[in-house]
């Protein structure tokens, strides 16, 4: 099972739009990796208010991690990560500075 791990902040925009974000991540899995959307695992971790901080203030950032095939083309990796960030910005209204996306080669073990 392919896996995304998403860390979001409780009560922030991403927390309110998980259903839309999940559908978008499944769509991107199909587009970039030809994954069956029903087989794509997505783990959501909600940080309680006050547990994450950025520059001395309660964080509004999200982190998205995805496993990709070993040797996944760097140009395609960049397109994929850009698409994840675009999805987040469009869905939540966050700034590009409030989304961190990364792609690890091989299986993601949580």
PDB file of N, CA and C in Angstrom:
ATOM      1  N   UNK A   1       0.841  -1.177   0.000  1.00  0.00           N
ATOM      2  CA  UNK A   1       0.000   0.000   0.000  1.00  0.00           C
ATOM      3  C   UNK A   1       0.885   1.238   0.000  1.00  0.00           C
ATOM      4  N   UNK A   2       0.645   2.122  -0.930  1.00  0.00           N
ATOM      5  CA  UNK A   2       1.360   3.391  -0.966  1.00  0.00           C
ATOM      6  C   UNK A   2       0.851   4.251   0.173  1.00  0.00           C
ATOM      7  N   UNK A   3       1.716   5.112   0.685  1.00  0.00           N
ATOM      8  CA  UNK A   3       1.355   5.823   1.886  1.00  0.00           C
ATOM      9  C   UNK A   3       1.777   7.282   1.858  1.00  0.00           C
ATOM     10  N   UNK A   4       0.849   8.100   2.283  1.00  0.00           N
ATOM     11  CA  UNK A   4       1.146   9.485   2.617  1.00  0.00           C
ATOM     12  C   UNK A   4       1.081   9.590   4.137  1.00  0.00           C
ATOM     13  N   UNK A   5       1.906  10.406   4.706  1.00  0.00           N
ATOM     14  CA  UNK A   5       1.798  10.783   6.110  1.00  0.00           C
ATOM     15  C   UNK A   5       1.617  12.293   6.136  1.00  0.00           C
ATOM     16  N   UNK A   6       0.537  12.743   6.743  1.00  0.00           N
ATOM     17  CA  UNK A   6       0.216  14.164   6.769  1.00  0.00           C
ATOM     18  C   UNK A   6       0.124  14.626   8.218  1.00  0.00           C
ATOM     19  N   UNK A   7       0.879  15.640   8.557  1.00  0.00           N
ATOM     20  CA  UNK A   7       0.831  16.234   9.891  1.00  0.00           C
ATOM     21  C   UNK A   7       0.200  17.608   9.737  1.00  0.00           C
ATOM     22  N   UNK A   8      -0.914  17.783  10.431  1.00  0.00           N
ATOM     23  CA  UNK A   8      -1.650  19.047  10.342  1.00  0.00           C
ATOM     24  C   UNK A   8      -1.896  19.575  11.748  1.00  0.00           C
ATOM     25  N   UNK A   9      -2.267  20.838  11.823  1.00  0.00           N
ATOM     26  CA  UNK A   9      -2.508  21.495  13.103  1.00  0.00           C
ATOM     27  C   UNK A   9      -4.002  21.504  13.416  1.00  0.00           C
ATOM     28  N   UNK A  10      -4.342  21.042  14.590  1.00  0.00           N
ATOM     29  CA  UNK A  10      -5.736  20.998  15.030  1.00  0.00           C
ATOM     30  C   UNK A  10      -6.380  22.386  14.910  1.00  0.00           C
ATOM     31  N   UNK A  11      -7.547  22.411  14.275  1.00  0.00           N
ATOM     32  CA  UNK A  11      -8.307  23.644  14.155  1.00  0.00           C
ATOM     33  C   UNK A  11      -7.896  24.550  13.005  1.00  0.00           C
ATOM     34  N   UNK A  12      -6.823  24.226  12.316  1.00  0.00           N
ATOM     35  CA  UNK A  12      -6.383  25.045  11.184  1.00  0.00           C
ATOM     36  C   UNK A  12      -7.141  24.631   9.923  1.00  0.00           C
ATOM     37  N   UNK A  13      -6.921  25.365   8.844  1.00  0.00           N
ATOM     38  CA  UNK A  13      -7.667  25.142   7.600  1.00  0.00           C
ATOM     39  C   UNK A  13      -7.547  23.710   7.086  1.00  0.00           C
ATOM     40  N   UNK A  14      -6.365  23.120   7.141  1.00  0.00           N
ATOM     41  CA  UNK A  14      -6.196  21.749   6.642  1.00  0.00           C
ATOM     42  C   UNK A  14      -7.052  20.777   7.453  1.00  0.00           C
ATOM     43  N   UNK A  15      -7.177  21.031   8.746  1.00  0.00           N
ATOM     44  CA  UNK A  15      -7.987  20.175   9.612  1.00  0.00           C
ATOM     45  C   UNK A  15      -9.463  20.238   9.217  1.00  0.00           C
ATOM     46  N   UNK A  16      -9.876  21.358   8.686  1.00  0.00           N
ATOM     47  CA  UNK A  16     -11.268  21.543   8.276  1.00  0.00           C
ATOM     48  C   UNK A  16     -11.556  20.959   6.889  1.00  0.00           C
ATOM     49  N   UNK A  17     -10.503  20.680   6.110  1.00  0.00           N
ATOM     50  CA  UNK A  17     -10.672  20.259   4.712  1.00  0.00           C
ATOM     51  C   UNK A  17     -10.033  18.905   4.413  1.00  0.00           C
ATOM     52  N   UNK A  18      -9.897  18.055   5.408  1.00  0.00           N
ATOM     53  CA  UNK A  18      -9.233  16.760   5.235  1.00  0.00           C
ATOM     54  C   UNK A  18      -9.861  15.959   4.100  1.00  0.00           C
ATOM     55  N   UNK A  19     -11.182  15.975   3.982  1.00  0.00           N
ATOM     56  CA  UNK A  19     -11.842  15.193   2.934  1.00  0.00           C
ATOM     57  C   UNK A  19     -11.416  15.630   1.538  1.00  0.00           C
ATOM     58  N   UNK A  20     -11.324  16.932   1.321  1.00  0.00           N
ATOM     59  CA  UNK A  20     -10.920  17.454   0.009  1.00  0.00           C
ATOM     60  C   UNK A  20      -9.438  17.173  -0.234  1.00  0.00           C
ATOM     61  N   UNK A  21      -8.613  17.367   0.796  1.00  0.00           N
ATOM     62  CA  UNK A  21      -7.181  17.101   0.658  1.00  0.00           C
ATOM     63  C   UNK A  21      -6.928  15.624   0.372  1.00  0.00           C
ATOM     64  N   UNK A  22      -7.647  14.753   1.058  1.00  0.00           N
ATOM     65  CA  UNK A  22      -7.469  13.322   0.843  1.00  0.00           C
ATOM     66  C   UNK A  22      -7.840  12.934  -0.585  1.00  0.00           C
ATOM     67  N   UNK A  23      -8.942  13.458  -1.085  1.00  0.00           N
ATOM     68  CA  UNK A  23      -9.339  13.177  -2.474  1.00  0.00           C
ATOM     69  C   UNK A  23      -8.275  13.678  -3.441  1.00  0.00           C
ATOM     70  N   UNK A  24      -7.715  14.841  -3.169  1.00  0.00           N
ATOM     71  CA  UNK A  24      -6.668  15.389  -4.024  1.00  0.00           C
ATOM     72  C   UNK A  24      -5.398  14.563  -3.992  1.00  0.00           C
ATOM     73  N   UNK A  25      -5.006  14.089  -2.813  1.00  0.00           N
ATOM     74  CA  UNK A  25      -3.811  13.250  -2.708  1.00  0.00           C
ATOM     75  C   UNK A  25      -4.005  11.926  -3.440  1.00  0.00           C
ATOM     76  N   UNK A  26      -5.192  11.367  -3.358  1.00  0.00           N
ATOM     77  CA  UNK A  26      -5.487  10.124  -4.086  1.00  0.00           C
ATOM     78  C   UNK A  26      -5.441  10.362  -5.603  1.00  0.00           C
ATOM     79  N   UNK A  27      -5.955  11.517  -6.036  1.00  0.00           N
ATOM     80  CA  UNK A  27      -5.917  11.876  -7.461  1.00  0.00           C
ATOM     81  C   UNK A  27      -4.459  12.002  -7.929  1.00  0.00           C
ATOM     82  N   UNK A  28      -3.627  12.658  -7.127  1.00  0.00           N
ATOM     83  CA  UNK A  28      -2.213  12.821  -7.495  1.00  0.00           C
ATOM     84  C   UNK A  28      -1.499  11.474  -7.523  1.00  0.00           C
ATOM     85  N   UNK A  29      -1.862  10.568  -6.625  1.00  0.00           N
ATOM     86  CA  UNK A  29      -1.271   9.226  -6.630  1.00  0.00           C
ATOM     87  C   UNK A  29      -1.588   8.508  -7.938  1.00  0.00           C
ATOM     88  N   UNK A  30      -2.808   8.690  -8.432  1.00  0.00           N
ATOM     89  CA  UNK A  30      -3.193   8.076  -9.704  1.00  0.00           C
ATOM     90  C   UNK A  30      -2.429   8.730 -10.858  1.00  0.00           C
ATOM     91  N   UNK A  31      -2.386  10.058 -10.866  1.00  0.00           N
ATOM     92  CA  UNK A  31      -1.741  10.792 -11.965  1.00  0.00           C
ATOM     93  C   UNK A  31      -0.243  10.527 -12.053  1.00  0.00           C
ATOM     94  N   UNK A  32       0.440  10.539 -10.925  1.00  0.00           N
ATOM     95  CA  UNK A  32       1.903  10.448 -10.951  1.00  0.00           C
ATOM     96  C   UNK A  32       2.443   9.031 -10.824  1.00  0.00           C
ATOM     97  N   UNK A  33       1.686   8.129 -10.169  1.00  0.00           N
ATOM     98  CA  UNK A  33       2.212   6.796  -9.887  1.00  0.00           C
ATOM     99  C   UNK A  33       1.323   5.673 -10.399  1.00  0.00           C
ATOM    100  N   UNK A  34       0.209   6.036 -11.048  1.00  0.00           N
ATOM    101  CA  UNK A  34      -0.767   5.065 -11.556  1.00  0.00           C
ATOM    102  C   UNK A  34      -1.300   4.168 -10.440  1.00  0.00           C
ATOM    103  N   UNK A  35      -1.383   4.716  -9.227  1.00  0.00           N
ATOM    104  CA  UNK A  35      -1.926   3.975  -8.091  1.00  0.00           C
ATOM    105  C   UNK A  35      -3.443   3.911  -8.185  1.00  0.00           C
ATOM    106  N   UNK A  36      -3.997   2.823  -7.715  1.00  0.00           N
ATOM    107  CA  UNK A  36      -5.435   2.707  -7.546  1.00  0.00           C
ATOM    108  C   UNK A  36      -5.791   3.563  -6.332  1.00  0.00           C
ATOM    109  N   UNK A  37      -6.596   4.618  -6.500  1.00  0.00           N
ATOM    110  CA  UNK A  37      -6.902   5.516  -5.385  1.00  0.00           C
ATOM    111  C   UNK A  37      -7.459   4.815  -4.153  1.00  0.00           C
ATOM    112  N   UNK A  38      -8.160   3.700  -4.343  1.00  0.00           N
ATOM    113  CA  UNK A  38      -8.729   2.998  -3.189  1.00  0.00           C
ATOM    114  C   UNK A  38      -7.670   2.230  -2.405  1.00  0.00           C
ATOM    115  N   UNK A  39      -6.489   2.081  -2.985  1.00  0.00           N
ATOM    116  CA  UNK A  39      -5.405   1.343  -2.332  1.00  0.00           C
ATOM    117  C   UNK A  39      -4.352   2.261  -1.715  1.00  0.00           C
ATOM    118  N   UNK A  40      -4.545   3.566  -1.812  1.00  0.00           N
ATOM    119  CA  UNK A  40      -3.559   4.525  -1.317  1.00  0.00           C
ATOM    120  C   UNK A  40      -3.833   4.812   0.155  1.00  0.00           C
ATOM    121  N   UNK A  41      -2.859   4.518   1.005  1.00  0.00           N
ATOM    122  CA  UNK A  41      -3.004   4.788   2.429  1.00  0.00           C
ATOM    123  C   UNK A  41      -2.610   6.219   2.749  1.00  0.00           C
ATOM    124  N   UNK A  42      -3.408   6.848   3.602  1.00  0.00           N
ATOM    125  CA  UNK A  42      -3.115   8.208   4.048  1.00  0.00           C
ATOM    126  C   UNK A  42      -3.273   8.235   5.560  1.00  0.00           C
ATOM    127  N   UNK A  43      -2.207   8.571   6.261  1.00  0.00           N
ATOM    128  CA  UNK A  43      -2.251   8.670   7.719  1.00  0.00           C
ATOM    129  C   UNK A  43      -2.249  10.152   8.105  1.00  0.00           C
ATOM    130  N   UNK A  44      -3.258  10.551   8.845  1.00  0.00           N
ATOM    131  CA  UNK A  44      -3.404  11.932   9.313  1.00  0.00           C
ATOM    132  C   UNK A  44      -3.009  12.005  10.785  1.00  0.00           C
ATOM    133  N   UNK A  45      -2.119  12.909  11.098  1.00  0.00           N
ATOM    134  CA  UNK A  45      -1.744  13.172  12.485  1.00  0.00           C
ATOM    135  C   UNK A  45      -2.076  14.628  12.769  1.00  0.00           C
ATOM    136  N   UNK A  46      -2.945  14.838  13.751  1.00  0.00           N
ATOM    137  CA  UNK A  46      -3.336  16.196  14.145  1.00  0.00           C
ATOM    138  C   UNK A  46      -2.548  16.594  15.385  1.00  0.00           C
ATOM    139  N   UNK A  47      -1.785  17.671  15.251  1.00  0.00           N
ATOM    140  CA  UNK A  47      -1.063  18.208  16.398  1.00  0.00           C
ATOM    141  C   UNK A  47      -2.023  19.068  17.206  1.00  0.00           C
ATOM    142  N   UNK A  48      -2.181  18.801  18.502  1.00  0.00           N
ATOM    143  CA  UNK A  48      -3.057  19.642  19.313  1.00  0.00           C
ATOM    144  C   UNK A  48      -2.556  21.088  19.354  1.00  0.00           C
ATOM    145  N   UNK A  49      -3.486  22.000  19.506  1.00  0.00           N
ATOM    146  CA  UNK A  49      -3.104  23.422  19.614  1.00  0.00           C
ATOM    147  C   UNK A  49      -2.024  23.574  20.681  1.00  0.00           C
ATOM    148  N   UNK A  50      -1.002  24.360  20.339  1.00  0.00           N
ATOM    149  CA  UNK A  50       0.064  24.635  21.286  1.00  0.00           C
ATOM    150  C   UNK A  50       1.191  23.619  21.302  1.00  0.00           C
ATOM    151  N   UNK A  51       1.104  22.577  20.484  1.00  0.00           N
ATOM    152  CA  UNK A  51       2.161  21.567  20.453  1.00  0.00           C
ATOM    153  C   UNK A  51       3.204  21.840  19.378  1.00  0.00           C
ATOM    154  N   UNK A  52       2.888  22.657  18.400  1.00  0.00           N
ATOM    155  CA  UNK A  52       3.831  22.959  17.312  1.00  0.00           C
ATOM    156  C   UNK A  52       3.952  24.474  17.194  1.00  0.00           C
ATOM    157  N   UNK A  53       5.176  24.914  17.015  1.00  0.00           N
ATOM    158  CA  UNK A  53       5.439  26.349  16.993  1.00  0.00           C
ATOM    159  C   UNK A  53       6.346  26.701  15.824  1.00  0.00           C
ATOM    160  N   UNK A  54       6.126  27.875  15.263  1.00  0.00           N
ATOM    161  CA  UNK A  54       6.986  28.426  14.218  1.00  0.00           C
ATOM    162  C   UNK A  54       7.256  29.881  14.578  1.00  0.00           C
ATOM    163  N   UNK A  55       8.528  30.226  14.685  1.00  0.00           N
ATOM    164  CA  UNK A  55       8.935  31.598  14.998  1.00  0.00           C
ATOM    165  C   UNK A  55       8.227  32.126  16.247  1.00  0.00           C
ATOM    166  N   UNK A  56       8.108  31.261  17.257  1.00  0.00           N
ATOM    167  CA  UNK A  56       7.542  31.681  18.530  1.00  0.00           C
ATOM    168  C   UNK A  56       6.031  31.802  18.569  1.00  0.00           C
ATOM    169  N   UNK A  57       5.361  31.352  17.510  1.00  0.00           N
ATOM    170  CA  UNK A  57       3.894  31.412  17.465  1.00  0.00           C
ATOM    171  C   UNK A  57       3.343  30.032  17.144  1.00  0.00           C
ATOM    172  N   UNK A  58       2.097  29.792  17.551  1.00  0.00           N
ATOM    173  CA  UNK A  58       1.450  28.531  17.258  1.00  0.00           C
ATOM    174  C   UNK A  58       1.482  28.278  15.752  1.00  0.00           C
ATOM    175  N   UNK A  59       1.913  27.100  15.366  1.00  0.00           N
ATOM    176  CA  UNK A  59       2.125  26.788  13.946  1.00  0.00           C
ATOM    177  C   UNK A  59       0.812  26.637  13.182  1.00  0.00           C
ATOM    178  N   UNK A  60       0.851  27.063  11.937  1.00  0.00           N
ATOM    179  CA  UNK A  60      -0.259  26.857  11.002  1.00  0.00           C
ATOM    180  C   UNK A  60       0.183  25.971   9.837  1.00  0.00           C
ATOM    181  N   UNK A  61       1.392  25.440   9.924  1.00  0.00           N
ATOM    182  CA  UNK A  61       1.969  24.668   8.826  1.00  0.00           C
ATOM    183  C   UNK A  61       1.496  23.224   8.803  1.00  0.00           C
ATOM    184  N   UNK A  62       1.569  22.640   7.615  1.00  0.00           N
ATOM    185  CA  UNK A  62       1.291  21.225   7.406  1.00  0.00           C
ATOM    186  C   UNK A  62       2.514  20.576   6.776  1.00  0.00           C
ATOM    187  N   UNK A  63       2.667  19.281   7.034  1.00  0.00           N
ATOM    188  CA  UNK A  63       3.754  18.509   6.446  1.00  0.00           C
ATOM    189  C   UNK A  63       3.132  17.314   5.736  1.00  0.00           C
ATOM    190  N   UNK A  64       3.540  17.086   4.493  1.00  0.00           N
ATOM    191  CA  UNK A  64       3.066  15.939   3.725  1.00  0.00           C
ATOM    192  C   UNK A  64       4.286  15.146   3.267  1.00  0.00           C
ATOM    193  N   UNK A  65       4.295  13.856   3.599  1.00  0.00           N
ATOM    194  CA  UNK A  65       5.384  12.959   3.210  1.00  0.00           C
ATOM    195  C   UNK A  65       4.781  11.850   2.366  1.00  0.00           C
ATOM    196  N   UNK A  66       5.460  11.483   1.301  1.00  0.00           N
ATOM    197  CA  UNK A  66       4.973  10.417   0.412  1.00  0.00           C
ATOM    198  C   UNK A  66       6.136   9.520   0.044  1.00  0.00           C
ATOM    199  N   UNK A  67       5.907   8.225   0.030  1.00  0.00           N
ATOM    200  CA  UNK A  67       6.911   7.310  -0.496  1.00  0.00           C
ATOM    201  C   UNK A  67       6.748   7.241  -2.013  1.00  0.00           C
ATOM    202  N   UNK A  68       7.877   7.176  -2.698  1.00  0.00           N
ATOM    203  CA  UNK A  68       7.883   7.077  -4.162  1.00  0.00           C
ATOM    204  C   UNK A  68       8.795   5.926  -4.554  1.00  0.00           C
ATOM    205  N   UNK A  69       8.652   5.418  -5.767  1.00  0.00           N
ATOM    206  CA  UNK A  69       9.529   4.321  -6.190  1.00  0.00           C
ATOM    207  C   UNK A  69      11.004   4.732  -6.151  1.00  0.00           C
ATOM    208  N   UNK A  70      11.855   3.803  -5.762  1.00  0.00           N
ATOM    209  CA  UNK A  70      13.297   4.062  -5.753  1.00  0.00           C
ATOM    210  C   UNK A  70      13.721   4.479  -7.153  1.00  0.00           C
ATOM    211  N   UNK A  71      14.493   5.564  -7.235  1.00  0.00           N
ATOM    212  CA  UNK A  71      14.959   6.060  -8.524  1.00  0.00           C
ATOM    213  C   UNK A  71      13.947   6.911  -9.267  1.00  0.00           C
ATOM    214  N   UNK A  72      12.876   7.304  -8.591  1.00  0.00           N
ATOM    215  CA  UNK A  72      11.858   8.148  -9.225  1.00  0.00           C
ATOM    216  C   UNK A  72      12.533   9.380  -9.815  1.00  0.00           C
ATOM    217  N   UNK A  73      12.226   9.672 -11.057  1.00  0.00           N
ATOM    218  CA  UNK A  73      12.839  10.769 -11.808  1.00  0.00           C
ATOM    219  C   UNK A  73      12.720  12.095 -11.056  1.00  0.00           C
ATOM    220  N   UNK A  74      13.824  12.828 -10.941  1.00  0.00           N
ATOM    221  CA  UNK A  74      13.824  14.096 -10.196  1.00  0.00           C
ATOM    222  C   UNK A  74      12.894  15.141 -10.791  1.00  0.00           C
ATOM    223  N   UNK A  75      12.796  15.203 -12.106  1.00  0.00           N
ATOM    224  CA  UNK A  75      11.891  16.168 -12.734  1.00  0.00           C
ATOM    225  C   UNK A  75      10.436  15.845 -12.386  1.00  0.00           C
ATOM    226  N   UNK A  76      10.086  14.569 -12.420  1.00  0.00           N
ATOM    227  CA  UNK A  76       8.734  14.153 -12.047  1.00  0.00           C
ATOM    228  C   UNK A  76       8.494  14.357 -10.552  1.00  0.00           C
ATOM    229  N   UNK A  77       9.515  14.119  -9.743  1.00  0.00           N
ATOM    230  CA  UNK A  77       9.412  14.343  -8.303  1.00  0.00           C
ATOM    231  C   UNK A  77       9.085  15.813  -8.027  1.00  0.00           C
ATOM    232  N   UNK A  78       9.778  16.702  -8.717  1.00  0.00           N
ATOM    233  CA  UNK A  78       9.520  18.138  -8.539  1.00  0.00           C
ATOM    234  C   UNK A  78       8.091  18.487  -8.953  1.00  0.00           C
ATOM    235  N   UNK A  79       7.629  17.944 -10.066  1.00  0.00           N
ATOM    236  CA  UNK A  79       6.249  18.199 -10.510  1.00  0.00           C
ATOM    237  C   UNK A  79       5.249  17.682  -9.485  1.00  0.00           C
ATOM    238  N   UNK A  80       5.504  16.488  -8.959  1.00  0.00           N
ATOM    239  CA  UNK A  80       4.617  15.909  -7.963  1.00  0.00           C
ATOM    240  C   UNK A  80       4.570  16.782  -6.709  1.00  0.00           C
ATOM    241  N   UNK A  81       5.729  17.146  -6.185  1.00  0.00           N
ATOM    242  CA  UNK A  81       5.770  17.954  -4.964  1.00  0.00           C
ATOM    243  C   UNK A  81       5.120  19.319  -5.174  1.00  0.00           C
ATOM    244  N   UNK A  82       5.313  19.891  -6.341  1.00  0.00           N
ATOM    245  CA  UNK A  82       4.658  21.167  -6.659  1.00  0.00           C
ATOM    246  C   UNK A  82       3.142  20.985  -6.684  1.00  0.00           C
ATOM    247  N   UNK A  83       2.682  19.870  -7.232  1.00  0.00           N
ATOM    248  CA  UNK A  83       1.241  19.601  -7.290  1.00  0.00           C
ATOM    249  C   UNK A  83       0.661  19.430  -5.881  1.00  0.00           C
ATOM    250  N   UNK A  84       1.399  18.780  -4.978  1.00  0.00           N
ATOM    251  CA  UNK A  84       0.946  18.640  -3.594  1.00  0.00           C
ATOM    252  C   UNK A  84       0.822  20.019  -2.943  1.00  0.00           C
ATOM    253  N   UNK A  85       1.838  20.848  -3.123  1.00  0.00           N
ATOM    254  CA  UNK A  85       1.795  22.197  -2.542  1.00  0.00           C
ATOM    255  C   UNK A  85       0.657  23.023  -3.136  1.00  0.00           C
ATOM    256  N   UNK A  86       0.470  22.926  -4.443  1.00  0.00           N
ATOM    257  CA  UNK A  86      -0.638  23.648  -5.086  1.00  0.00           C
ATOM    258  C   UNK A  86      -1.978  23.193  -4.532  1.00  0.00           C
ATOM    259  N   UNK A  87      -2.148  21.880  -4.358  1.00  0.00           N
ATOM    260  CA  UNK A  87      -3.381  21.337  -3.775  1.00  0.00           C
ATOM    261  C   UNK A  87      -3.626  21.963  -2.404  1.00  0.00           C
ATOM    262  N   UNK A  88      -2.600  22.007  -1.576  1.00  0.00           N
ATOM    263  CA  UNK A  88      -2.747  22.528  -0.215  1.00  0.00           C
ATOM    264  C   UNK A  88      -3.118  24.011  -0.226  1.00  0.00           C
ATOM    265  N   UNK A  89      -2.401  24.783  -1.030  1.00  0.00           N
ATOM    266  CA  UNK A  89      -2.656  26.226  -1.090  1.00  0.00           C
ATOM    267  C   UNK A  89      -4.071  26.493  -1.597  1.00  0.00           C
ATOM    268  N   UNK A  90      -4.468  25.810  -2.668  1.00  0.00           N
ATOM    269  CA  UNK A  90      -5.797  26.019  -3.251  1.00  0.00           C
ATOM    270  C   UNK A  90      -6.911  25.568  -2.310  1.00  0.00           C
ATOM    271  N   UNK A  91      -6.698  24.485  -1.594  1.00  0.00           N
ATOM    272  CA  UNK A  91      -7.742  23.914  -0.747  1.00  0.00           C
ATOM    273  C   UNK A  91      -7.881  24.639   0.586  1.00  0.00           C
ATOM    274  N   UNK A  92      -6.750  25.038   1.168  1.00  0.00           N
ATOM    275  CA  UNK A  92      -6.785  25.607   2.522  1.00  0.00           C
ATOM    276  C   UNK A  92      -6.648  27.119   2.567  1.00  0.00           C
ATOM    277  N   UNK A  93      -6.140  27.707   1.488  1.00  0.00           N
ATOM    278  CA  UNK A  93      -5.881  29.146   1.505  1.00  0.00           C
ATOM    279  C   UNK A  93      -4.591  29.501   2.224  1.00  0.00           C
ATOM    280  N   UNK A  94      -3.794  28.489   2.586  1.00  0.00           N
ATOM    281  CA  UNK A  94      -2.527  28.757   3.254  1.00  0.00           C
ATOM    282  C   UNK A  94      -1.544  29.380   2.264  1.00  0.00           C
ATOM    283  N   UNK A  95      -0.474  29.928   2.795  1.00  0.00           N
ATOM    284  CA  UNK A  95       0.591  30.426   1.925  1.00  0.00           C
ATOM    285  C   UNK A  95       1.516  29.262   1.583  1.00  0.00           C
ATOM    286  N   UNK A  96       2.306  29.425   0.559  1.00  0.00           N
ATOM    287  CA  UNK A  96       3.251  28.389   0.154  1.00  0.00           C
ATOM    288  C   UNK A  96       4.256  28.108   1.279  1.00  0.00           C
ATOM    289  N   UNK A  97       4.446  29.066   2.180  1.00  0.00           N
ATOM    290  CA  UNK A  97       5.363  28.885   3.303  1.00  0.00           C
ATOM    291  C   UNK A  97       4.761  28.041   4.427  1.00  0.00           C
ATOM    292  N   UNK A  98       3.486  27.653   4.303  1.00  0.00           N
ATOM    293  CA  UNK A  98       2.833  26.880   5.348  1.00  0.00           C
ATOM    294  C   UNK A  98       2.627  25.410   4.968  1.00  0.00           C
ATOM    295  N   UNK A  99       3.250  24.985   3.880  1.00  0.00           N
ATOM    296  CA  UNK A  99       3.162  23.592   3.471  1.00  0.00           C
ATOM    297  C   UNK A  99       4.570  23.076   3.157  1.00  0.00           C
ATOM    298  N   UNK A 100       4.909  21.957   3.790  1.00  0.00           N
ATOM    299  CA  UNK A 100       6.183  21.288   3.530  1.00  0.00           C
ATOM    300  C   UNK A 100       5.831  19.929   2.926  1.00  0.00           C
ATOM    301  N   UNK A 101       6.338  19.660   1.739  1.00  0.00           N
ATOM    302  CA  UNK A 101       6.082  18.381   1.071  1.00  0.00           C
ATOM    303  C   UNK A 101       7.427  17.731   0.764  1.00  0.00           C
ATOM    304  N   UNK A 102       7.481  16.439   0.985  1.00  0.00           N
ATOM    305  CA  UNK A 102       8.704  15.701   0.687  1.00  0.00           C
ATOM    306  C   UNK A 102       8.349  14.318   0.173  1.00  0.00           C
ATOM    307  N   UNK A 103       9.263  13.748  -0.596  1.00  0.00           N
ATOM    308  CA  UNK A 103       9.047  12.421  -1.169  1.00  0.00           C
ATOM    309  C   UNK A 103      10.293  11.574  -0.894  1.00  0.00           C
ATOM    310  N   UNK A 104      10.091  10.456  -0.204  1.00  0.00           N
ATOM    311  CA  UNK A 104      11.175   9.542   0.130  1.00  0.00           C
ATOM    312  C   UNK A 104      11.178   8.361  -0.818  1.00  0.00           C
ATOM    313  N   UNK A 105      12.373   7.953  -1.271  1.00  0.00           N
ATOM    314  CA  UNK A 105      12.493   6.756  -2.081  1.00  0.00           C
ATOM    315  C   UNK A 105      12.214   5.524  -1.230  1.00  0.00           C
ATOM    316  N   UNK A 106      11.418   4.637  -1.792  1.00  0.00           N
ATOM    317  CA  UNK A 106      11.144   3.372  -1.129  1.00  0.00           C
ATOM    318  C   UNK A 106       9.991   3.455  -0.156  1.00  0.00           C
ATOM    319  N   UNK A 107       9.707   2.360   0.505  1.00  0.00           N
ATOM    320  CA  UNK A 107       8.565   2.312   1.415  1.00  0.00           C
ATOM    321  C   UNK A 107       8.721   3.268   2.594  1.00  0.00           C
ATOM    322  N   UNK A 108       7.628   3.895   2.962  1.00  0.00           N
ATOM    323  CA  UNK A 108       7.593   4.761   4.123  1.00  0.00           C
ATOM    324  C   UNK A 108       7.139   3.924   5.315  1.00  0.00           C
ATOM    325  N   UNK A 109       7.963   3.832   6.321  1.00  0.00           N
ATOM    326  CA  UNK A 109       7.632   3.022   7.484  1.00  0.00           C
ATOM    327  C   UNK A 109       7.321   3.945   8.650  1.00  0.00           C
ATOM    328  N   UNK A 110       6.100   3.801   9.152  1.00  0.00           N
ATOM    329  CA  UNK A 110       5.690   4.629  10.302  1.00  0.00           C
ATOM    330  C   UNK A 110       5.430   3.773  11.510  1.00  0.00           C
TER     331      UNK A 110
END
